[in-house]
Amino acid sequence: MARPSYPTVIVPFALVPNQPAIDFLAGRVNEGMRVFEYGSGNSTLWWSRQTRHVVSCEHDKSWYDLMKGKVPPNVDYMLIELDRDGRYANAVAAQRDPFDVIVIDGRDRVKCAEASLAALKPDGVIVWDNSDRPDYDAGYRFLLENGFKRLDFWGMGPINAYGWCTSVFYRPQNCFEI
């Protein structure tokens, strides 16, 4: 199936899945889940209302300072400087307990995907926002080669006037019961 073509518009910090993905996730995410998120913003607030615990990793100091006062107590909010192939991408691996969901919506996304597998529960899923971008093809291939399937959601988001793709990468036995 051909992908729809949308104009490329960059809106800093519009970090939320598109509306079709939100609708899909809302029926599957539950209050007992733990979420790790690369990139913070409106999605951090959404995940915090749906789940027990969110660990959110942000690289941009000014955005971190703006969001810090908005995140609720069930969010561990980290500022980790973007250093390609370093601490930022591996922040998930430094966590003690595994996650039900890992959200890739920040920087250095291919390396983040590679680091995520060791921190994901056996039935965990990865939600990758802006998965229509060919820059991340190596990350998509990595997940597929490691036994994941891909489910794409195309559409507009709640705060943007353009559409994009959000993908859920999952294994046969998964917490979303796909």
N, C-alpha and C. Protein backbone atom coordinates (compact mmCIF):
# COMPACT_ATOMS: atom_id res chain seq x y z
N MET A 1 0.84 -1.17 0.00
CA MET A 1 0.00 0.00 0.00
C MET A 1 0.89 1.24 0.00
N ALA A 2 0.60 2.19 -0.85
CA ALA A 2 1.38 3.41 -0.93
C ALA A 2 1.09 4.30 0.27
N ARG A 3 2.13 4.94 0.76
CA ARG A 3 1.96 5.87 1.88
C ARG A 3 1.39 7.18 1.37
N PRO A 4 0.47 7.78 2.10
CA PRO A 4 -0.02 9.09 1.70
C PRO A 4 1.12 10.10 1.74
N SER A 5 1.03 11.11 0.92
CA SER A 5 2.06 12.14 0.88
C SER A 5 1.55 13.38 1.61
N TYR A 6 2.33 13.85 2.57
CA TYR A 6 1.98 15.04 3.32
C TYR A 6 3.13 16.02 3.19
N PRO A 7 2.84 17.30 3.23
CA PRO A 7 3.94 18.27 3.19
C PRO A 7 4.79 18.14 4.44
N THR A 8 6.08 18.39 4.30
CA THR A 8 6.98 18.33 5.43
C THR A 8 6.94 19.66 6.16
N VAL A 9 6.53 19.62 7.40
CA VAL A 9 6.48 20.80 8.25
C VAL A 9 7.13 20.41 9.57
N ILE A 10 8.06 21.19 10.03
CA ILE A 10 8.71 20.90 11.29
C ILE A 10 8.14 21.85 12.35
N VAL A 11 7.55 21.27 13.39
CA VAL A 11 7.02 22.05 14.50
C VAL A 11 7.75 21.56 15.75
N PRO A 12 8.66 22.35 16.30
CA PRO A 12 9.41 21.89 17.47
C PRO A 12 8.50 21.51 18.62
N PHE A 13 8.80 20.40 19.25
CA PHE A 13 8.17 19.97 20.48
C PHE A 13 6.69 19.65 20.35
N ALA A 14 6.24 19.35 19.16
CA ALA A 14 4.86 18.89 18.99
C ALA A 14 4.86 17.38 19.17
N LEU A 15 5.24 16.95 20.35
CA LEU A 15 5.50 15.54 20.60
C LEU A 15 4.27 14.80 21.10
N VAL A 16 3.42 14.42 20.18
CA VAL A 16 2.26 13.59 20.49
C VAL A 16 2.06 12.65 19.33
N PRO A 17 1.56 11.44 19.57
CA PRO A 17 1.20 10.57 18.45
C PRO A 17 0.06 11.21 17.67
N ASN A 18 -0.13 10.76 16.44
CA ASN A 18 -1.26 11.28 15.67
C ASN A 18 -2.57 10.73 16.24
N GLN A 19 -3.69 11.32 15.81
CA GLN A 19 -4.98 10.97 16.41
C GLN A 19 -5.38 9.51 16.23
N PRO A 20 -5.19 8.91 15.04
CA PRO A 20 -5.52 7.48 14.94
C PRO A 20 -4.71 6.61 15.90
N ALA A 21 -3.44 6.94 16.12
CA ALA A 21 -2.62 6.18 17.08
C ALA A 21 -3.12 6.39 18.50
N ILE A 22 -3.48 7.62 18.84
CA ILE A 22 -4.01 7.89 20.18
C ILE A 22 -5.28 7.07 20.41
N ASP A 23 -6.16 7.04 19.41
CA ASP A 23 -7.39 6.26 19.55
C ASP A 23 -7.09 4.78 19.76
N PHE A 24 -6.13 4.25 19.03
CA PHE A 24 -5.73 2.85 19.17
C PHE A 24 -5.13 2.60 20.56
N LEU A 25 -4.21 3.45 20.98
CA LEU A 25 -3.53 3.27 22.26
C LEU A 25 -4.49 3.39 23.43
N ALA A 26 -5.44 4.30 23.35
CA ALA A 26 -6.36 4.55 24.46
C ALA A 26 -7.12 3.28 24.86
N GLY A 27 -7.37 2.39 23.94
CA GLY A 27 -8.06 1.16 24.25
C GLY A 27 -7.16 0.04 24.74
N ARG A 28 -5.86 0.27 24.74
CA ARG A 28 -4.92 -0.80 25.10
C ARG A 28 -3.98 -0.47 26.25
N VAL A 29 -3.71 0.80 26.46
CA VAL A 29 -2.84 1.22 27.55
C VAL A 29 -3.64 1.13 28.85
N ASN A 30 -2.97 0.70 29.93
CA ASN A 30 -3.69 0.62 31.20
C ASN A 30 -2.87 1.22 32.33
N GLU A 31 -3.53 1.46 33.43
CA GLU A 31 -2.94 2.19 34.55
C GLU A 31 -1.84 1.43 35.28
N GLY A 32 -1.63 0.17 34.98
CA GLY A 32 -0.55 -0.58 35.61
C GLY A 32 0.75 -0.55 34.84
N MET A 33 0.76 0.06 33.67
CA MET A 33 1.94 0.02 32.79
C MET A 33 3.01 1.02 33.19
N ARG A 34 4.24 0.64 32.84
CA ARG A 34 5.41 1.52 32.96
C ARG A 34 5.86 1.90 31.56
N VAL A 35 6.14 3.19 31.37
CA VAL A 35 6.49 3.73 30.05
C VAL A 35 7.82 4.46 30.14
N PHE A 36 8.68 4.24 29.16
CA PHE A 36 9.88 5.05 28.98
C PHE A 36 9.68 5.85 27.71
N GLU A 37 10.03 7.13 27.77
CA GLU A 37 9.77 8.02 26.63
C GLU A 37 11.02 8.82 26.29
N TYR A 38 11.45 8.70 25.04
CA TYR A 38 12.49 9.58 24.51
C TYR A 38 11.80 10.79 23.91
N GLY A 39 12.08 11.98 24.43
CA GLY A 39 11.41 13.19 23.98
C GLY A 39 10.19 13.44 24.85
N SER A 40 10.02 14.65 25.29
CA SER A 40 8.92 14.97 26.20
C SER A 40 8.02 16.04 25.59
N GLY A 41 6.86 16.18 26.18
CA GLY A 41 5.92 17.19 25.72
C GLY A 41 4.51 16.78 26.08
N ASN A 42 3.58 17.08 25.19
CA ASN A 42 2.19 16.73 25.44
C ASN A 42 2.01 15.23 25.61
N SER A 43 2.84 14.45 24.92
CA SER A 43 2.74 13.00 25.07
C SER A 43 3.08 12.57 26.50
N THR A 44 4.01 13.24 27.14
CA THR A 44 4.37 12.92 28.52
C THR A 44 3.15 13.06 29.42
N LEU A 45 2.42 14.12 29.22
CA LEU A 45 1.23 14.37 30.02
C LEU A 45 0.16 13.32 29.72
N TRP A 46 0.01 12.96 28.43
CA TRP A 46 -0.97 11.94 28.05
C TRP A 46 -0.61 10.59 28.69
N TRP A 47 0.64 10.15 28.52
CA TRP A 47 1.07 8.87 29.10
C TRP A 47 0.92 8.87 30.61
N SER A 48 1.22 10.00 31.26
CA SER A 48 1.13 10.05 32.73
C SER A 48 -0.30 9.88 33.22
N ARG A 49 -1.27 10.30 32.42
CA ARG A 49 -2.68 10.13 32.82
C ARG A 49 -3.18 8.70 32.58
N GLN A 50 -2.51 7.96 31.72
CA GLN A 50 -2.96 6.62 31.33
C GLN A 50 -2.27 5.50 32.09
N THR A 51 -1.06 5.76 32.63
CA THR A 51 -0.24 4.69 33.18
C THR A 51 0.23 5.00 34.60
N ARG A 52 0.82 3.99 35.22
CA ARG A 52 1.31 4.09 36.59
C ARG A 52 2.56 4.96 36.69
N HIS A 53 3.49 4.78 35.75
CA HIS A 53 4.80 5.42 35.87
C HIS A 53 5.37 5.71 34.50
N VAL A 54 5.93 6.91 34.34
CA VAL A 54 6.58 7.32 33.10
C VAL A 54 7.98 7.82 33.44
N VAL A 55 8.96 7.37 32.67
CA VAL A 55 10.29 7.93 32.74
C VAL A 55 10.49 8.64 31.41
N SER A 56 10.69 9.95 31.46
CA SER A 56 10.80 10.74 30.25
C SER A 56 12.19 11.35 30.16
N CYS A 57 12.82 11.17 29.02
CA CYS A 57 14.19 11.61 28.79
C CYS A 57 14.18 12.76 27.77
N GLU A 58 14.61 13.93 28.19
CA GLU A 58 14.63 15.11 27.33
C GLU A 58 16.06 15.60 27.16
N HIS A 59 16.38 16.11 25.97
CA HIS A 59 17.74 16.59 25.72
C HIS A 59 17.83 18.12 25.70
N ASP A 60 16.73 18.80 25.46
CA ASP A 60 16.72 20.25 25.27
C ASP A 60 16.47 20.95 26.61
N LYS A 61 17.47 21.67 27.10
CA LYS A 61 17.39 22.30 28.43
C LYS A 61 16.24 23.30 28.53
N SER A 62 16.03 24.14 27.54
CA SER A 62 14.96 25.14 27.64
C SER A 62 13.59 24.46 27.64
N TRP A 63 13.42 23.41 26.84
CA TRP A 63 12.14 22.68 26.83
C TRP A 63 11.95 21.94 28.16
N TYR A 64 13.01 21.34 28.65
CA TYR A 64 12.98 20.66 29.94
C TYR A 64 12.52 21.63 31.04
N ASP A 65 13.12 22.82 31.06
CA ASP A 65 12.77 23.81 32.08
C ASP A 65 11.30 24.22 31.96
N LEU A 66 10.79 24.33 30.75
CA LEU A 66 9.40 24.69 30.53
C LEU A 66 8.45 23.59 31.00
N MET A 67 8.80 22.34 30.71
CA MET A 67 7.93 21.20 31.04
C MET A 67 8.04 20.76 32.49
N LYS A 68 9.17 21.02 33.13
CA LYS A 68 9.45 20.50 34.48
C LYS A 68 8.30 20.77 35.45
N GLY A 69 7.75 21.95 35.43
CA GLY A 69 6.67 22.30 36.34
C GLY A 69 5.32 21.72 35.95
N LYS A 70 5.22 21.11 34.76
CA LYS A 70 3.95 20.58 34.28
C LYS A 70 3.80 19.07 34.47
N VAL A 71 4.92 18.38 34.69
CA VAL A 71 4.83 16.93 34.79
C VAL A 71 4.34 16.52 36.18
N PRO A 72 3.44 15.55 36.23
CA PRO A 72 2.90 15.11 37.53
C PRO A 72 3.89 14.21 38.28
N PRO A 73 3.57 13.86 39.51
CA PRO A 73 4.49 13.08 40.35
C PRO A 73 4.82 11.68 39.83
N ASN A 74 3.99 11.10 38.97
CA ASN A 74 4.29 9.75 38.48
C ASN A 74 5.24 9.76 37.29
N VAL A 75 5.84 10.92 37.01
CA VAL A 75 6.82 11.04 35.92
C VAL A 75 8.20 11.33 36.51
N ASP A 76 9.16 10.48 36.19
CA ASP A 76 10.56 10.78 36.47
C ASP A 76 11.08 11.49 35.23
N TYR A 77 11.40 12.74 35.38
CA TYR A 77 11.76 13.59 34.24
C TYR A 77 13.25 13.86 34.26
N MET A 78 13.94 13.41 33.21
CA MET A 78 15.40 13.50 33.15
C MET A 78 15.85 14.43 32.04
N LEU A 79 16.84 15.21 32.31
CA LEU A 79 17.52 16.01 31.30
C LEU A 79 18.85 15.34 31.03
N ILE A 80 19.02 14.87 29.81
CA ILE A 80 20.27 14.23 29.42
C ILE A 80 20.71 14.87 28.11
N GLU A 81 21.86 15.49 28.14
CA GLU A 81 22.39 16.18 26.97
C GLU A 81 22.51 15.21 25.80
N LEU A 82 22.17 15.72 24.63
CA LEU A 82 22.25 14.90 23.43
C LEU A 82 23.71 14.71 23.06
N ASP A 83 24.15 13.48 23.14
CA ASP A 83 25.49 13.12 22.73
C ASP A 83 25.36 11.86 21.91
N ARG A 84 25.31 12.01 20.64
CA ARG A 84 25.05 10.90 19.73
C ARG A 84 25.79 9.65 20.16
N ASP A 85 25.07 8.55 20.18
CA ASP A 85 25.62 7.24 20.53
C ASP A 85 26.11 7.16 21.98
N GLY A 86 25.58 7.99 22.84
CA GLY A 86 26.06 8.00 24.21
C GLY A 86 24.96 7.87 25.23
N ARG A 87 25.05 8.68 26.30
CA ARG A 87 24.14 8.60 27.44
C ARG A 87 22.68 8.76 27.07
N TYR A 88 22.38 9.66 26.14
CA TYR A 88 20.98 9.90 25.78
C TYR A 88 20.33 8.62 25.24
N ALA A 89 20.93 8.03 24.22
CA ALA A 89 20.35 6.82 23.62
C ALA A 89 20.31 5.67 24.62
N ASN A 90 21.27 5.61 25.50
CA ASN A 90 21.35 4.50 26.46
C ASN A 90 20.64 4.78 27.79
N ALA A 91 19.93 5.88 27.89
CA ALA A 91 19.24 6.22 29.13
C ALA A 91 18.26 5.13 29.55
N VAL A 92 17.62 4.50 28.59
CA VAL A 92 16.66 3.44 28.91
C VAL A 92 17.37 2.24 29.55
N ALA A 93 18.56 1.94 29.10
CA ALA A 93 19.31 0.80 29.62
C ALA A 93 19.77 1.03 31.06
N ALA A 94 19.84 2.27 31.48
CA ALA A 94 20.26 2.59 32.84
C ALA A 94 19.14 2.42 33.86
N GLN A 95 17.94 2.14 33.40
CA GLN A 95 16.79 1.97 34.29
C GLN A 95 16.81 0.57 34.91
N ARG A 96 16.38 0.48 36.13
CA ARG A 96 16.43 -0.79 36.86
C ARG A 96 15.35 -1.78 36.42
N ASP A 97 14.14 -1.32 36.24
CA ASP A 97 13.02 -2.21 35.90
C ASP A 97 12.64 -2.07 34.44
N PRO A 98 12.20 -3.16 33.81
CA PRO A 98 11.83 -3.11 32.39
C PRO A 98 10.49 -2.38 32.19
N PHE A 99 10.24 -2.03 30.94
CA PHE A 99 9.07 -1.22 30.58
C PHE A 99 8.09 -2.01 29.71
N ASP A 100 6.82 -1.65 29.87
CA ASP A 100 5.76 -2.20 29.02
C ASP A 100 5.77 -1.52 27.65
N VAL A 101 6.03 -0.22 27.66
CA VAL A 101 6.01 0.59 26.45
C VAL A 101 7.24 1.48 26.43
N ILE A 102 7.90 1.53 25.28
CA ILE A 102 8.97 2.50 25.07
C ILE A 102 8.56 3.36 23.89
N VAL A 103 8.55 4.67 24.12
CA VAL A 103 8.14 5.64 23.10
C VAL A 103 9.39 6.28 22.52
N ILE A 104 9.53 6.21 21.22
CA ILE A 104 10.66 6.82 20.54
C ILE A 104 10.15 8.04 19.80
N ASP A 105 10.42 9.21 20.38
CA ASP A 105 9.93 10.47 19.83
C ASP A 105 10.91 11.59 20.16
N GLY A 106 12.18 11.25 20.24
CA GLY A 106 13.20 12.23 20.56
C GLY A 106 14.27 12.25 19.48
N ARG A 107 15.48 12.41 19.88
CA ARG A 107 16.62 12.46 18.96
C ARG A 107 17.32 11.11 18.90
N ASP A 108 18.23 10.97 17.95
CA ASP A 108 19.09 9.78 17.81
C ASP A 108 18.25 8.50 17.85
N ARG A 109 17.16 8.50 17.09
CA ARG A 109 16.13 7.47 17.21
C ARG A 109 16.59 6.05 16.86
N VAL A 110 17.48 5.92 15.92
CA VAL A 110 17.95 4.57 15.57
C VAL A 110 18.71 3.98 16.75
N LYS A 111 19.60 4.74 17.34
CA LYS A 111 20.35 4.26 18.51
C LYS A 111 19.43 4.03 19.70
N CYS A 112 18.41 4.86 19.83
CA CYS A 112 17.44 4.66 20.92
C CYS A 112 16.71 3.32 20.75
N ALA A 113 16.34 3.01 19.50
CA ALA A 113 15.67 1.72 19.24
C ALA A 113 16.59 0.57 19.60
N GLU A 114 17.84 0.67 19.22
CA GLU A 114 18.80 -0.40 19.50
C GLU A 114 18.98 -0.59 21.01
N ALA A 115 19.02 0.50 21.75
CA ALA A 115 19.21 0.41 23.20
C ALA A 115 17.95 -0.07 23.93
N SER A 116 16.79 0.07 23.30
CA SER A 116 15.52 -0.20 23.96
C SER A 116 15.23 -1.68 24.21
N LEU A 117 15.72 -2.55 23.37
CA LEU A 117 15.32 -3.96 23.49
C LEU A 117 15.66 -4.57 24.84
N ALA A 118 16.80 -4.23 25.38
CA ALA A 118 17.20 -4.81 26.67
C ALA A 118 16.35 -4.30 27.82
N ALA A 119 15.67 -3.17 27.66
CA ALA A 119 14.86 -2.58 28.73
C ALA A 119 13.36 -2.83 28.55
N LEU A 120 13.01 -3.57 27.53
CA LEU A 120 11.60 -3.83 27.22
C LEU A 120 11.18 -5.18 27.78
N LYS A 121 10.01 -5.23 28.42
CA LYS A 121 9.49 -6.51 28.89
C LYS A 121 9.28 -7.44 27.69
N PRO A 122 9.28 -8.75 27.91
CA PRO A 122 9.09 -9.69 26.79
C PRO A 122 7.81 -9.43 25.99
N ASP A 123 6.77 -8.92 26.65
CA ASP A 123 5.53 -8.61 25.94
C ASP A 123 5.38 -7.11 25.66
N GLY A 124 6.47 -6.36 25.83
CA GLY A 124 6.44 -4.91 25.64
C GLY A 124 6.36 -4.50 24.19
N VAL A 125 5.96 -3.25 23.98
CA VAL A 125 5.83 -2.69 22.64
C VAL A 125 6.61 -1.39 22.55
N ILE A 126 6.92 -1.02 21.31
CA ILE A 126 7.59 0.24 21.03
C ILE A 126 6.65 1.09 20.19
N VAL A 127 6.44 2.33 20.61
CA VAL A 127 5.64 3.28 19.85
C VAL A 127 6.62 4.29 19.27
N TRP A 128 6.66 4.36 17.94
CA TRP A 128 7.63 5.21 17.24
C TRP A 128 6.85 6.28 16.51
N ASP A 129 7.01 7.53 16.95
CA ASP A 129 6.30 8.63 16.30
C ASP A 129 7.12 9.14 15.12
N ASN A 130 6.43 9.72 14.16
CA ASN A 130 7.04 10.24 12.93
C ASN A 130 7.76 9.13 12.17
N SER A 131 7.16 7.96 12.14
CA SER A 131 7.78 6.79 11.52
C SER A 131 7.65 6.78 10.00
N ASP A 132 7.24 7.89 9.43
CA ASP A 132 7.22 8.04 7.99
C ASP A 132 8.55 8.61 7.48
N ARG A 133 9.44 8.95 8.37
CA ARG A 133 10.71 9.57 7.99
C ARG A 133 11.73 8.50 7.57
N PRO A 134 12.22 8.57 6.33
CA PRO A 134 13.18 7.57 5.86
C PRO A 134 14.53 7.61 6.58
N ASP A 135 14.81 8.70 7.28
CA ASP A 135 16.07 8.81 8.04
C ASP A 135 16.19 7.70 9.07
N TYR A 136 15.08 7.12 9.47
CA TYR A 136 15.07 6.12 10.54
C TYR A 136 14.92 4.70 10.02
N ASP A 137 15.06 4.49 8.73
CA ASP A 137 14.87 3.15 8.14
C ASP A 137 15.71 2.08 8.82
N ALA A 138 16.94 2.41 9.20
CA ALA A 138 17.81 1.42 9.86
C ALA A 138 17.20 0.97 11.19
N GLY A 139 16.55 1.86 11.90
CA GLY A 139 15.90 1.50 13.16
C GLY A 139 14.69 0.62 12.95
N TYR A 140 13.88 0.93 11.92
CA TYR A 140 12.72 0.10 11.62
C TYR A 140 13.18 -1.32 11.26
N ARG A 141 14.22 -1.40 10.40
CA ARG A 141 14.75 -2.71 10.00
C ARG A 141 15.28 -3.48 11.22
N PHE A 142 15.97 -2.78 12.11
CA PHE A 142 16.51 -3.42 13.32
C PHE A 142 15.39 -4.09 14.11
N LEU A 143 14.31 -3.39 14.32
CA LEU A 143 13.20 -3.96 15.10
C LEU A 143 12.56 -5.14 14.36
N LEU A 144 12.36 -5.01 13.06
CA LEU A 144 11.76 -6.11 12.28
C LEU A 144 12.67 -7.33 12.30
N GLU A 145 13.97 -7.11 12.19
CA GLU A 145 14.93 -8.22 12.22
C GLU A 145 14.99 -8.89 13.60
N ASN A 146 14.51 -8.20 14.62
CA ASN A 146 14.50 -8.74 15.98
C ASN A 146 13.12 -9.25 16.38
N GLY A 147 12.32 -9.62 15.40
CA GLY A 147 11.06 -10.30 15.67
C GLY A 147 9.84 -9.43 15.87
N PHE A 148 9.97 -8.13 15.65
CA PHE A 148 8.82 -7.24 15.80
C PHE A 148 8.04 -7.15 14.49
N LYS A 149 6.76 -6.90 14.61
CA LYS A 149 5.91 -6.56 13.48
C LYS A 149 5.59 -5.08 13.63
N ARG A 150 5.13 -4.49 12.53
CA ARG A 150 4.89 -3.05 12.51
C ARG A 150 3.44 -2.77 12.13
N LEU A 151 2.79 -1.92 12.93
CA LEU A 151 1.43 -1.49 12.66
C LEU A 151 1.45 0.03 12.55
N ASP A 152 1.11 0.55 11.36
CA ASP A 152 1.18 1.99 11.09
C ASP A 152 -0.17 2.68 11.26
N PHE A 153 -0.12 3.88 11.78
CA PHE A 153 -1.29 4.74 11.91
C PHE A 153 -0.98 6.08 11.24
N TRP A 154 -1.75 6.40 10.22
CA TRP A 154 -1.57 7.65 9.49
C TRP A 154 -2.68 8.62 9.87
N GLY A 155 -2.32 9.87 10.06
CA GLY A 155 -3.33 10.87 10.32
C GLY A 155 -2.76 12.13 10.92
N MET A 156 -3.66 13.03 11.20
CA MET A 156 -3.28 14.30 11.81
C MET A 156 -3.28 14.16 13.32
N GLY A 157 -2.51 15.01 13.96
CA GLY A 157 -2.45 15.00 15.41
C GLY A 157 -3.32 16.08 16.01
N PRO A 158 -3.45 16.05 17.33
CA PRO A 158 -4.33 17.00 18.00
C PRO A 158 -3.81 18.43 18.03
N ILE A 159 -2.50 18.65 17.81
CA ILE A 159 -1.99 20.01 17.89
C ILE A 159 -1.29 20.48 16.62
N ASN A 160 -1.31 19.66 15.55
CA ASN A 160 -0.63 20.03 14.31
C ASN A 160 -1.63 20.06 13.16
N ALA A 161 -1.31 20.85 12.16
CA ALA A 161 -2.19 20.99 11.00
C ALA A 161 -1.67 20.18 9.82
N TYR A 162 -1.00 19.07 10.08
CA TYR A 162 -0.49 18.20 9.03
C TYR A 162 -0.52 16.77 9.55
N GLY A 163 -0.40 15.82 8.65
CA GLY A 163 -0.45 14.41 9.04
C GLY A 163 0.91 13.76 9.02
N TRP A 164 1.02 12.63 9.72
CA TRP A 164 2.24 11.85 9.74
C TRP A 164 1.90 10.44 10.20
N CYS A 165 2.92 9.61 10.31
CA CYS A 165 2.73 8.22 10.71
C CYS A 165 3.29 7.99 12.11
N THR A 166 2.53 7.26 12.91
CA THR A 166 2.99 6.74 14.19
C THR A 166 2.89 5.22 14.08
N SER A 167 3.94 4.50 14.45
CA SER A 167 3.94 3.04 14.32
C SER A 167 4.07 2.37 15.68
N VAL A 168 3.39 1.25 15.80
CA VAL A 168 3.54 0.39 16.97
C VAL A 168 4.30 -0.84 16.52
N PHE A 169 5.44 -1.10 17.16
CA PHE A 169 6.24 -2.29 16.89
C PHE A 169 5.95 -3.27 18.02
N TYR A 170 5.58 -4.48 17.66
CA TYR A 170 5.14 -5.45 18.65
C TYR A 170 5.59 -6.85 18.25
N ARG A 171 5.69 -7.72 19.25
CA ARG A 171 5.98 -9.13 19.02
C ARG A 171 4.68 -9.92 19.16
N PRO A 172 4.68 -11.19 18.75
CA PRO A 172 3.42 -11.96 18.77
C PRO A 172 2.69 -11.95 20.11
N GLN A 173 3.38 -12.12 21.22
CA GLN A 173 2.76 -12.05 22.54
C GLN A 173 3.07 -10.66 23.08
N ASN A 174 2.08 -9.77 23.12
CA ASN A 174 2.33 -8.40 23.52
C ASN A 174 1.26 -7.85 24.44
N CYS A 175 1.63 -6.84 25.19
CA CYS A 175 0.73 -6.25 26.19
C CYS A 175 -0.46 -5.52 25.60
N PHE A 176 -0.43 -5.23 24.31
CA PHE A 176 -1.57 -4.59 23.65
C PHE A 176 -2.53 -5.60 23.04
N GLU A 177 -2.17 -6.90 23.14
CA GLU A 177 -2.99 -7.98 22.61
C GLU A 177 -3.34 -7.79 21.11
N ILE A 178 -2.33 -7.43 20.38
CA ILE A 178 -2.48 -7.25 18.92
C ILE A 178 -2.39 -8.61 18.27
